[in-house]
Amino acid sequence: MYSLILHVKRSNTELQKLVFSSATTLSRKGQNFTVSTYLIESLGFTTKLAESISKKVSFEDQGINPDSVLTLFRSYGFTESQISTIITDYPKLLLLDAENSLAPKLKFLHSMKGASTSEFTEIVSTVPKLLGKRGDKTLSVYYDFVRDVIHKCQVLSHSSLPQGNLENKIRNVTALRELGVPQRSLFHLLVSRYQPVCGKERFQESLKKVVEKGFDPTTSKFVQALHVVYQLSDRTVEEKVDVYKRLGFSVEDVWDMFKKWPNSLKFSVKKVTQTFETLKKCGLTDEEVVALLKKNPQFLRVSEQNIASSIETFLGLGFSNGEFAMMIKRYPVCIGFSAETVKKKTEFLVEEMDWSLEAVVSHPQVFSYSMGKRMVPRCSVIKALMSKGLLGSELPSVCSVLACTDKMFLRRYVRKHNDKGLVAELMAIFTRVHKACLEQ
């Protein structure tokens, strides 16, 4: 449908085969006709439109009979307006053998799908490129998809959409489908009138940029990137890149962050700068903030208030500024945990288990572990072992107890004992506490 799709899916050599000179002529009724003249006389196209289309096709082959193509469309009930739309969007159809190439496809779709003539002509004229598909199965799948999209758009409400948006949406969504974007993502794009698929030239430009950045069409990031690129002008993007450069990022860093999290380019200059300065208040140097955001660009969405609140929470629990900075460097998502979560888990580890704050700093991932499913059941086993004097005088490290899988934990602290009675007792503690916590 779009030149971009040809660009992505075909080599330059193949692409050149579709582009022809408008100077080639067609012999018709003993006269020589240029492509543009034919379109003006046969379909009433404006000179500007006809000349534009003539740059895409030629009647170089003497066996071409475009009249038979137009006659065939009329025989299936297509209106003159629909035929004009079809040829405008997919002029290559004029080059096909109407009887042997085009007619079988129209016959198959019209007879096999059981659609009314009006529905059939609407679907084909909306996305005429489906007639370029080969094989009945492929043609059928493609036709059904376009029909479903049209129906979904109509259900969403014609009245709420500006004139022309339906056609743009169908065309653009179909283009995305050809690139491999999952259907679940495609239908989501149809919900809002403010989505990028409402556009035309802008959509094509945005899609090309996203493809060139190397995004995988089968992932959700592809659609996210399309949203972002569509909303931003080239000048705005340059301004945002310049802001990152002034903060110490390279241009490559900026685009790497964009690939990790496309929304990284959506934030205002003020927001990016404020977040950068606020992260420095956590005790991080400029270089450390750059490293943190390169690895976790999602932190750009964390508000200054939340960061300040996080600092206050950790310092209030006895952590030093240096320890807080160390935890952020080791596990940046610490900033995102609520004050209640941080306080509850710190008090459990320090007051109930007697680990030091330094031990928590060494493995800040503990703040993401479930109290009921992991921390309490395992620590109950450790306390039982300590009470029996089976672990010596010192607690094992936080990482040794909490960072491993359940299977590894049980092997390390329960099943290794030769006393079957002890193993059964420890397993009972682990299971009972685990179940009790889940039922709370």
Protein backbone atom coordinates (compact mmCIF):
# COMPACT_ATOMS: atom_id res chain seq x y z
CA MET A 1 0.00 0.00 0.00
CA TYR A 2 2.66 2.46 0.94
CA SER A 3 6.08 2.88 -0.60
CA LEU A 4 7.47 2.18 2.87
CA ILE A 5 6.16 -1.37 2.76
CA LEU A 6 7.85 -1.86 -0.57
CA HIS A 7 10.97 -0.31 0.90
CA VAL A 8 10.95 -2.75 3.83
CA LYS A 9 9.93 -5.88 2.02
CA ARG A 10 11.63 -5.60 -1.34
CA SER A 11 15.13 -4.95 -2.50
CA ASN A 12 15.94 -1.79 -4.37
CA THR A 13 16.07 -3.77 -7.59
CA GLU A 14 12.52 -5.03 -7.13
CA LEU A 15 11.28 -1.60 -6.20
CA GLN A 16 12.66 -0.14 -9.40
CA LYS A 17 10.55 -2.53 -11.39
CA LEU A 18 7.43 -0.78 -10.10
CA VAL A 19 8.55 2.69 -11.05
CA PHE A 20 8.17 3.66 -14.65
CA SER A 21 8.57 6.70 -16.81
CA SER A 22 5.42 8.68 -17.63
CA ALA A 23 6.64 9.15 -21.20
CA THR A 24 5.69 5.64 -22.28
CA THR A 25 2.56 5.52 -24.43
CA LEU A 26 -0.40 3.24 -25.02
CA SER A 27 -1.73 2.41 -28.45
CA ARG A 28 -5.51 2.68 -28.25
CA LYS A 29 -7.85 2.76 -31.24
CA GLY A 30 -5.01 3.65 -33.51
CA GLN A 31 -3.80 6.57 -31.42
CA ASN A 32 -0.98 7.05 -28.97
CA PHE A 33 -2.04 7.77 -25.39
CA THR A 34 0.13 8.66 -22.44
CA VAL A 35 -0.90 7.15 -19.12
CA SER A 36 -2.00 10.54 -17.83
CA THR A 37 -4.13 11.17 -20.93
CA TYR A 38 -5.81 7.79 -20.53
CA LEU A 39 -6.69 8.45 -16.88
CA ILE A 40 -8.05 11.89 -17.69
CA GLU A 41 -10.22 10.66 -20.56
CA SER A 42 -11.34 7.32 -19.09
CA LEU A 43 -11.81 8.21 -15.40
CA GLY A 44 -12.03 11.98 -15.38
CA PHE A 45 -8.92 12.45 -13.28
CA THR A 46 -7.45 15.90 -12.89
CA THR A 47 -4.26 16.55 -14.81
CA LYS A 48 -2.24 16.81 -11.59
CA LEU A 49 -3.52 13.49 -10.23
CA ALA A 50 -3.15 11.73 -13.57
CA GLU A 51 0.44 12.90 -13.98
CA SER A 52 1.25 11.80 -10.44
CA ILE A 53 -0.07 8.28 -11.10
CA SER A 54 1.69 8.10 -14.47
CA LYS A 55 4.99 8.23 -12.61
CA LYS A 56 4.17 4.91 -10.96
CA VAL A 57 3.02 2.78 -13.93
CA SER A 58 3.45 2.57 -17.68
CA PHE A 59 1.69 0.86 -20.55
CA GLU A 60 4.98 -0.38 -21.93
CA ASP A 61 3.69 -3.87 -22.71
CA GLN A 62 1.68 -3.83 -25.93
CA GLY A 63 -0.60 -6.55 -24.54
CA ILE A 64 -1.94 -4.34 -21.74
CA ASN A 65 -5.65 -3.57 -21.95
CA PRO A 66 -6.69 -1.20 -19.14
CA ASP A 67 -10.17 -0.85 -20.64
CA SER A 68 -10.88 -4.49 -19.82
CA VAL A 69 -9.88 -3.88 -16.20
CA LEU A 70 -12.30 -0.97 -15.83
CA THR A 71 -15.06 -2.96 -17.56
CA LEU A 72 -14.51 -5.87 -15.18
CA PHE A 73 -14.85 -3.65 -12.11
CA ARG A 74 -18.06 -2.16 -13.48
CA SER A 75 -19.48 -5.64 -14.10
CA TYR A 76 -19.08 -6.42 -10.38
CA GLY A 77 -21.03 -3.35 -9.33
CA PHE A 78 -18.22 -0.94 -8.50
CA THR A 79 -19.26 2.69 -8.88
CA GLU A 80 -17.22 5.13 -10.92
CA SER A 81 -16.13 6.81 -7.70
CA GLN A 82 -14.95 3.49 -6.25
CA ILE A 83 -13.09 2.60 -9.44
CA SER A 84 -11.34 5.97 -9.37
CA THR A 85 -10.33 5.34 -5.75
CA ILE A 86 -9.04 1.87 -6.60
CA ILE A 87 -6.90 3.07 -9.49
CA THR A 88 -5.62 6.05 -7.50
CA ASP A 89 -4.52 3.85 -4.61
CA TYR A 90 -3.29 0.89 -6.64
CA PRO A 91 -2.75 1.86 -10.30
CA LYS A 92 -0.78 -1.31 -10.94
CA LEU A 93 -4.13 -3.08 -11.36
CA LEU A 94 -4.40 -1.45 -14.80
CA LEU A 95 -1.47 -3.58 -15.90
CA LEU A 96 -3.06 -6.91 -14.97
CA ASP A 97 -4.66 -9.39 -17.33
CA ALA A 98 -8.32 -8.78 -16.49
CA GLU A 99 -9.55 -12.19 -17.61
CA ASN A 100 -6.83 -14.45 -16.29
CA SER A 101 -5.46 -12.58 -13.30
CA LEU A 102 -8.00 -10.17 -11.87
CA ALA A 103 -11.34 -11.82 -12.67
CA PRO A 104 -10.62 -15.08 -10.76
CA LYS A 105 -9.83 -13.10 -7.59
CA LEU A 106 -12.96 -10.97 -7.78
CA LYS A 107 -15.05 -14.05 -8.49
CA PHE A 108 -13.55 -15.94 -5.54
CA LEU A 109 -14.10 -13.12 -3.07
CA HIS A 110 -17.59 -12.30 -4.24
CA SER A 111 -18.82 -15.89 -4.32
CA MET A 112 -16.98 -17.41 -1.36
CA LYS A 113 -17.53 -14.65 1.18
CA GLY A 114 -21.26 -14.29 0.69
CA ALA A 115 -21.10 -10.54 1.04
CA SER A 116 -23.58 -8.16 -0.52
CA THR A 117 -22.40 -6.26 -3.57
CA SER A 118 -22.22 -3.02 -1.58
CA GLU A 119 -20.11 -4.61 1.17
CA PHE A 120 -17.89 -6.37 -1.34
CA THR A 121 -17.20 -3.22 -3.36
CA GLU A 122 -16.62 -1.17 -0.19
CA ILE A 123 -14.01 -3.58 1.12
CA VAL A 124 -12.12 -3.89 -2.16
CA SER A 125 -12.21 -0.15 -2.90
CA THR A 126 -11.07 0.68 0.63
CA VAL A 127 -7.97 -1.53 0.38
CA PRO A 128 -7.51 -2.45 -3.30
CA LYS A 129 -4.06 -3.82 -2.66
CA LEU A 130 -5.65 -7.02 -1.38
CA LEU A 131 -6.17 -7.86 -5.06
CA GLY A 132 -2.40 -8.06 -5.35
CA LYS A 133 -2.28 -11.03 -2.98
CA ARG A 134 -1.59 -14.49 -4.35
CA GLY A 135 -3.35 -17.69 -3.40
CA ASP A 136 -6.94 -18.12 -2.30
CA LYS A 137 -6.01 -18.69 1.36
CA THR A 138 -3.91 -15.54 1.62
CA LEU A 139 -6.50 -13.53 -0.28
CA SER A 140 -9.26 -14.82 2.00
CA VAL A 141 -7.39 -14.02 5.24
CA TYR A 142 -6.52 -10.55 4.00
CA TYR A 143 -10.10 -9.83 2.88
CA ASP A 144 -11.54 -11.01 6.22
CA PHE A 145 -9.17 -8.81 8.14
CA VAL A 146 -10.11 -5.70 6.17
CA ARG A 147 -13.80 -6.51 6.58
CA ASP A 148 -13.40 -6.90 10.34
CA VAL A 149 -11.54 -3.62 10.60
CA ILE A 150 -14.22 -1.79 8.62
CA HIS A 151 -16.97 -3.21 10.78
CA LYS A 152 -15.10 -2.32 13.95
CA CYS A 153 -14.65 1.26 12.78
CA GLN A 154 -18.32 1.49 11.94
CA VAL A 155 -19.27 0.16 15.37
CA LEU A 156 -17.01 2.73 17.01
CA SER A 157 -19.23 5.36 15.36
CA HIS A 158 -18.92 7.06 12.04
CA SER A 159 -20.33 10.28 13.45
CA SER A 160 -17.49 10.74 15.93
CA LEU A 161 -14.80 10.54 13.26
CA PRO A 162 -13.79 13.39 10.97
CA GLN A 163 -14.54 12.77 7.29
CA GLY A 164 -11.85 10.63 5.69
CA ASN A 165 -10.54 9.11 8.91
CA LEU A 166 -12.14 5.73 8.28
CA GLU A 167 -10.37 5.30 4.98
CA ASN A 168 -7.07 6.43 6.47
CA LYS A 169 -7.44 4.07 9.41
CA ILE A 170 -8.15 1.07 7.22
CA ARG A 171 -5.26 1.84 4.93
CA ASN A 172 -2.80 2.55 7.73
CA VAL A 173 -3.77 -0.41 9.90
CA THR A 174 -3.48 -2.69 6.90
CA ALA A 175 0.00 -1.31 6.22
CA LEU A 176 0.98 -2.11 9.81
CA ARG A 177 -0.42 -5.60 9.46
CA GLU A 178 1.77 -6.19 6.42
CA LEU A 179 4.79 -5.25 8.49
CA GLY A 180 3.87 -7.87 11.08
CA VAL A 181 2.19 -5.82 13.82
CA PRO A 182 0.00 -8.23 15.88
CA GLN A 183 -3.74 -7.95 15.35
CA ARG A 184 -4.37 -7.21 19.04
CA SER A 185 -2.28 -4.07 18.67
CA LEU A 186 -3.94 -3.10 15.41
CA PHE A 187 -7.44 -3.06 16.81
CA HIS A 188 -6.27 -1.03 19.79
CA LEU A 189 -5.14 1.63 17.33
CA LEU A 190 -8.68 1.97 16.05
CA VAL A 191 -10.21 3.00 19.36
CA SER A 192 -9.24 6.66 19.51
CA ARG A 193 -9.59 9.41 16.93
CA TYR A 194 -6.29 10.83 18.15
CA GLN A 195 -4.19 7.82 17.16
CA PRO A 196 -1.49 8.13 14.48
CA VAL A 197 -3.41 5.84 12.13
CA CYS A 198 -5.81 8.70 11.42
CA GLY A 199 -3.18 10.51 9.39
CA LYS A 200 -1.88 9.92 5.89
CA GLU A 201 1.42 11.46 4.78
CA ARG A 202 2.43 12.06 8.38
CA PHE A 203 1.69 8.44 9.21
CA GLN A 204 3.89 7.20 6.37
CA GLU A 205 6.76 9.45 7.44
CA SER A 206 6.45 8.37 11.07
CA LEU A 207 6.25 4.70 10.17
CA LYS A 208 9.38 4.94 8.04
CA LYS A 209 11.32 6.54 10.89
CA VAL A 210 10.25 3.84 13.36
CA VAL A 211 11.23 1.07 10.96
CA GLU A 212 14.60 2.71 10.31
CA LYS A 213 15.27 2.84 14.05
CA GLY A 214 15.13 -0.95 14.06
CA PHE A 215 11.99 -1.56 16.12
CA ASP A 216 10.50 -5.04 15.84
CA PRO A 217 6.93 -4.71 14.45
CA THR A 218 5.80 -7.74 16.46
CA THR A 219 6.47 -5.98 19.79
CA SER A 220 4.42 -3.41 21.67
CA LYS A 221 7.35 -0.98 21.58
CA PHE A 222 6.87 -0.61 17.83
CA VAL A 223 3.41 0.88 18.28
CA GLN A 224 4.60 2.99 21.24
CA ALA A 225 7.40 4.40 19.12
CA LEU A 226 4.96 5.15 16.31
CA HIS A 227 2.80 7.14 18.73
CA VAL A 228 5.77 9.18 19.93
CA VAL A 229 7.31 9.86 16.53
CA TYR A 230 3.93 10.82 15.07
CA GLN A 231 3.40 13.43 17.79
CA LEU A 232 6.82 15.07 17.55
CA SER A 233 8.16 17.29 14.79
CA ASP A 234 11.76 16.90 13.63
CA ARG A 235 12.59 20.22 15.29
CA THR A 236 11.11 19.11 18.62
CA VAL A 237 13.08 15.86 18.51
CA GLU A 238 16.29 17.79 17.85
CA GLU A 239 15.59 20.08 20.81
CA LYS A 240 15.05 17.11 23.11
CA VAL A 241 18.20 15.38 21.91
CA ASP A 242 20.14 18.60 22.54
CA VAL A 243 18.85 18.69 26.15
CA TYR A 244 20.09 15.15 26.76
CA LYS A 245 23.45 16.03 25.21
CA ARG A 246 23.85 18.99 27.57
CA LEU A 247 23.21 16.66 30.49
CA GLY A 248 26.01 14.32 29.43
CA PHE A 249 24.29 11.81 27.12
CA SER A 250 25.56 11.04 23.66
CA VAL A 251 23.20 11.01 20.67
CA GLU A 252 23.60 7.23 20.59
CA ASP A 253 22.58 7.08 24.27
CA VAL A 254 19.39 9.02 23.52
CA TRP A 255 18.31 6.63 20.76
CA ASP A 256 19.27 3.59 22.82
CA MET A 257 16.99 4.91 25.58
CA PHE A 258 14.27 5.53 23.00
CA LYS A 259 14.51 1.91 21.86
CA LYS A 260 14.27 0.67 25.43
CA TRP A 261 11.37 2.97 26.28
CA PRO A 262 9.96 5.11 23.43
CA ASN A 263 8.23 7.48 25.85
CA SER A 264 11.63 8.79 26.89
CA LEU A 265 11.30 11.39 24.12
CA LYS A 266 7.87 12.57 25.20
CA PHE A 267 8.94 14.45 28.30
CA SER A 268 9.43 18.19 28.24
CA VAL A 269 12.84 19.82 28.52
CA LYS A 270 11.85 21.05 31.98
CA LYS A 271 10.79 17.59 33.18
CA VAL A 272 13.97 15.87 31.96
CA THR A 273 16.17 18.50 33.56
CA GLN A 274 14.25 18.45 36.86
CA THR A 275 14.39 14.66 37.09
CA PHE A 276 18.11 14.69 36.38
CA GLU A 277 18.77 17.28 39.12
CA THR A 278 16.47 15.51 41.60
CA LEU A 279 18.28 12.19 41.09
CA LYS A 280 21.52 13.98 41.93
CA LYS A 281 19.94 14.84 45.28
CA CYS A 282 19.94 11.09 45.97
CA GLY A 283 23.71 11.34 46.19
CA LEU A 284 24.47 10.36 42.61
CA THR A 285 27.05 12.11 40.44
CA ASP A 286 26.22 13.37 36.94
CA GLU A 287 27.85 10.29 35.43
CA GLU A 288 25.90 7.98 37.73
CA VAL A 289 22.59 9.64 36.85
CA VAL A 290 23.41 9.27 33.15
CA ALA A 291 24.23 5.58 33.69
CA LEU A 292 21.02 5.06 35.68
CA LEU A 293 18.77 6.65 33.04
CA LYS A 294 20.53 4.87 30.19
CA LYS A 295 19.73 1.58 31.86
CA ASN A 296 16.31 2.56 33.22
CA PRO A 297 14.85 5.41 31.13
CA GLN A 298 11.45 4.76 32.78
CA PHE A 299 12.71 6.77 35.75
CA LEU A 300 12.01 9.90 33.77
CA ARG A 301 8.35 9.50 34.66
CA VAL A 302 8.97 9.43 38.42
CA SER A 303 7.90 12.74 39.92
CA GLU A 304 10.24 14.96 41.91
CA GLN A 305 7.84 14.62 44.84
CA ASN A 306 8.08 10.83 44.81
CA ILE A 307 11.87 10.93 44.67
CA ALA A 308 11.99 13.40 47.56
CA SER A 309 9.55 11.24 49.51
CA SER A 310 11.70 8.16 48.88
CA ILE A 311 14.79 9.95 50.17
CA GLU A 312 12.92 11.01 53.29
CA THR A 313 11.63 7.47 53.90
CA PHE A 314 15.00 5.74 53.67
CA LEU A 315 16.84 8.36 55.70
CA GLY A 316 14.08 8.23 58.31
CA LEU A 317 14.70 4.49 58.73
CA GLY A 318 18.37 5.09 59.52
CA PHE A 319 20.00 4.66 56.12
CA SER A 320 22.73 7.20 55.39
CA ASN A 321 22.84 9.34 52.26
CA GLY A 322 25.68 7.21 50.97
CA GLU A 323 23.79 3.96 51.63
CA PHE A 324 20.70 5.29 49.90
CA ALA A 325 22.78 6.30 46.87
CA MET A 326 24.37 2.85 46.84
CA MET A 327 20.95 1.14 46.84
CA ILE A 328 19.74 3.33 43.98
CA LYS A 329 22.81 2.46 41.93
CA ARG A 330 22.39 -1.24 42.65
CA TYR A 331 18.62 -1.37 42.28
CA PRO A 332 17.13 1.89 40.93
CA VAL A 333 13.50 0.78 41.29
CA CYS A 334 13.88 1.28 45.04
CA ILE A 335 12.75 4.83 44.36
CA GLY A 336 9.38 3.58 43.21
CA PHE A 337 8.38 1.63 46.31
CA SER A 338 5.84 3.14 48.67
CA ALA A 339 6.90 4.39 52.10
CA GLU A 340 4.73 1.71 53.70
CA THR A 341 6.44 -1.12 51.75
CA VAL A 342 9.94 0.15 52.52
CA LYS A 343 9.19 0.64 56.21
CA LYS A 344 7.44 -2.71 56.65
CA LYS A 345 10.18 -4.75 55.00
CA THR A 346 13.05 -2.85 56.59
CA GLU A 347 11.58 -3.27 60.09
CA PHE A 348 11.02 -6.99 59.44
CA LEU A 349 14.56 -7.59 58.23
CA VAL A 350 16.32 -5.43 60.82
CA GLU A 351 14.15 -5.70 63.92
CA GLU A 352 12.70 -9.21 63.60
CA MET A 353 15.57 -10.95 61.80
CA ASP A 354 18.40 -8.84 63.24
CA TRP A 355 20.09 -8.17 59.92
CA SER A 356 21.94 -4.88 59.79
CA LEU A 357 21.03 -1.96 57.57
CA GLU A 358 24.31 -2.62 55.75
CA ALA A 359 23.05 -6.13 54.94
CA VAL A 360 19.91 -4.66 53.38
CA VAL A 361 22.01 -2.15 51.42
CA SER A 362 24.03 -5.04 49.99
CA HIS A 363 20.88 -6.53 48.42
CA PRO A 364 18.18 -3.85 47.94
CA GLN A 365 16.22 -6.23 45.71
CA VAL A 366 14.61 -7.45 48.95
CA PHE A 367 12.15 -4.57 48.68
CA SER A 368 10.61 -6.25 45.65
CA TYR A 369 10.20 -9.66 47.29
CA SER A 370 6.80 -10.80 48.58
CA MET A 371 6.51 -10.88 52.36
CA GLY A 372 4.01 -13.74 52.36
CA LYS A 373 5.37 -15.90 49.57
CA ARG A 374 9.08 -15.53 50.20
CA MET A 375 10.38 -13.47 53.09
CA VAL A 376 8.32 -14.66 56.07
CA PRO A 377 8.29 -18.42 55.27
CA ARG A 378 12.02 -18.57 54.63
CA CYS A 379 12.94 -16.41 57.58
CA SER A 380 10.77 -18.61 59.82
CA VAL A 381 12.92 -21.58 58.81
CA ILE A 382 16.11 -19.59 59.47
CA LYS A 383 14.87 -18.60 62.93
CA ALA A 384 14.11 -22.24 63.72
CA LEU A 385 17.59 -23.29 62.66
CA MET A 386 19.16 -20.47 64.68
CA SER A 387 17.21 -21.48 67.78
CA LYS A 388 18.61 -25.00 67.44
CA GLY A 389 22.13 -23.71 67.03
CA LEU A 390 22.42 -25.23 63.57
CA LEU A 391 23.63 -22.09 61.78
CA GLY A 392 26.39 -21.02 64.11
CA SER A 393 26.47 -17.62 65.75
CA GLU A 394 25.87 -15.47 62.70
CA LEU A 395 22.92 -15.12 60.35
CA PRO A 396 23.53 -16.16 56.75
CA SER A 397 23.52 -13.31 54.28
CA VAL A 398 20.30 -11.72 53.08
CA CYS A 399 21.16 -12.74 49.54
CA SER A 400 21.78 -16.38 50.52
CA VAL A 401 18.36 -16.64 52.17
CA LEU A 402 16.12 -14.51 49.94
CA ALA A 403 17.66 -14.18 46.49
CA CYS A 404 17.49 -17.84 45.47
CA THR A 405 14.55 -19.95 44.28
CA ASP A 406 12.40 -21.95 46.70
CA LYS A 407 14.02 -25.13 45.39
CA MET A 408 17.51 -23.83 46.10
CA PHE A 409 16.52 -22.46 49.51
CA LEU A 410 15.04 -25.81 50.63
CA ARG A 411 18.08 -27.68 49.37
CA ARG A 412 20.44 -25.25 51.13
CA TYR A 413 18.69 -25.01 54.51
CA VAL A 414 16.22 -27.89 54.83
CA ARG A 415 16.87 -31.02 52.79
CA LYS A 416 20.60 -31.11 53.43
CA HIS A 417 20.05 -32.40 56.99
CA ASN A 418 20.37 -36.14 57.65
CA ASP A 419 17.79 -36.03 60.46
CA LYS A 420 14.52 -36.88 58.70
CA GLY A 421 12.54 -35.63 61.65
CA LEU A 422 14.23 -32.24 61.45
CA VAL A 423 13.64 -32.07 57.70
CA ALA A 424 9.95 -32.81 58.24
CA GLU A 425 9.74 -30.17 61.00
CA LEU A 426 11.39 -27.50 58.85
CA MET A 427 9.24 -28.36 55.85
CA ALA A 428 6.14 -28.09 58.05
CA ILE A 429 7.22 -24.62 59.23
CA PHE A 430 7.91 -23.47 55.70
CA THR A 431 4.63 -24.80 54.34
CA ARG A 432 2.48 -23.69 57.27
CA VAL A 433 3.77 -20.14 57.34
CA HIS A 434 3.58 -19.87 53.56
CA LYS A 435 -0.04 -21.00 53.57
CA ALA A 436 -0.97 -18.78 56.51
CA CYS A 437 0.47 -15.71 54.83
CA LEU A 438 -1.41 -16.40 51.62
CA GLU A 439 -4.70 -16.75 53.51
CA GLN A 440 -4.33 -13.42 55.29
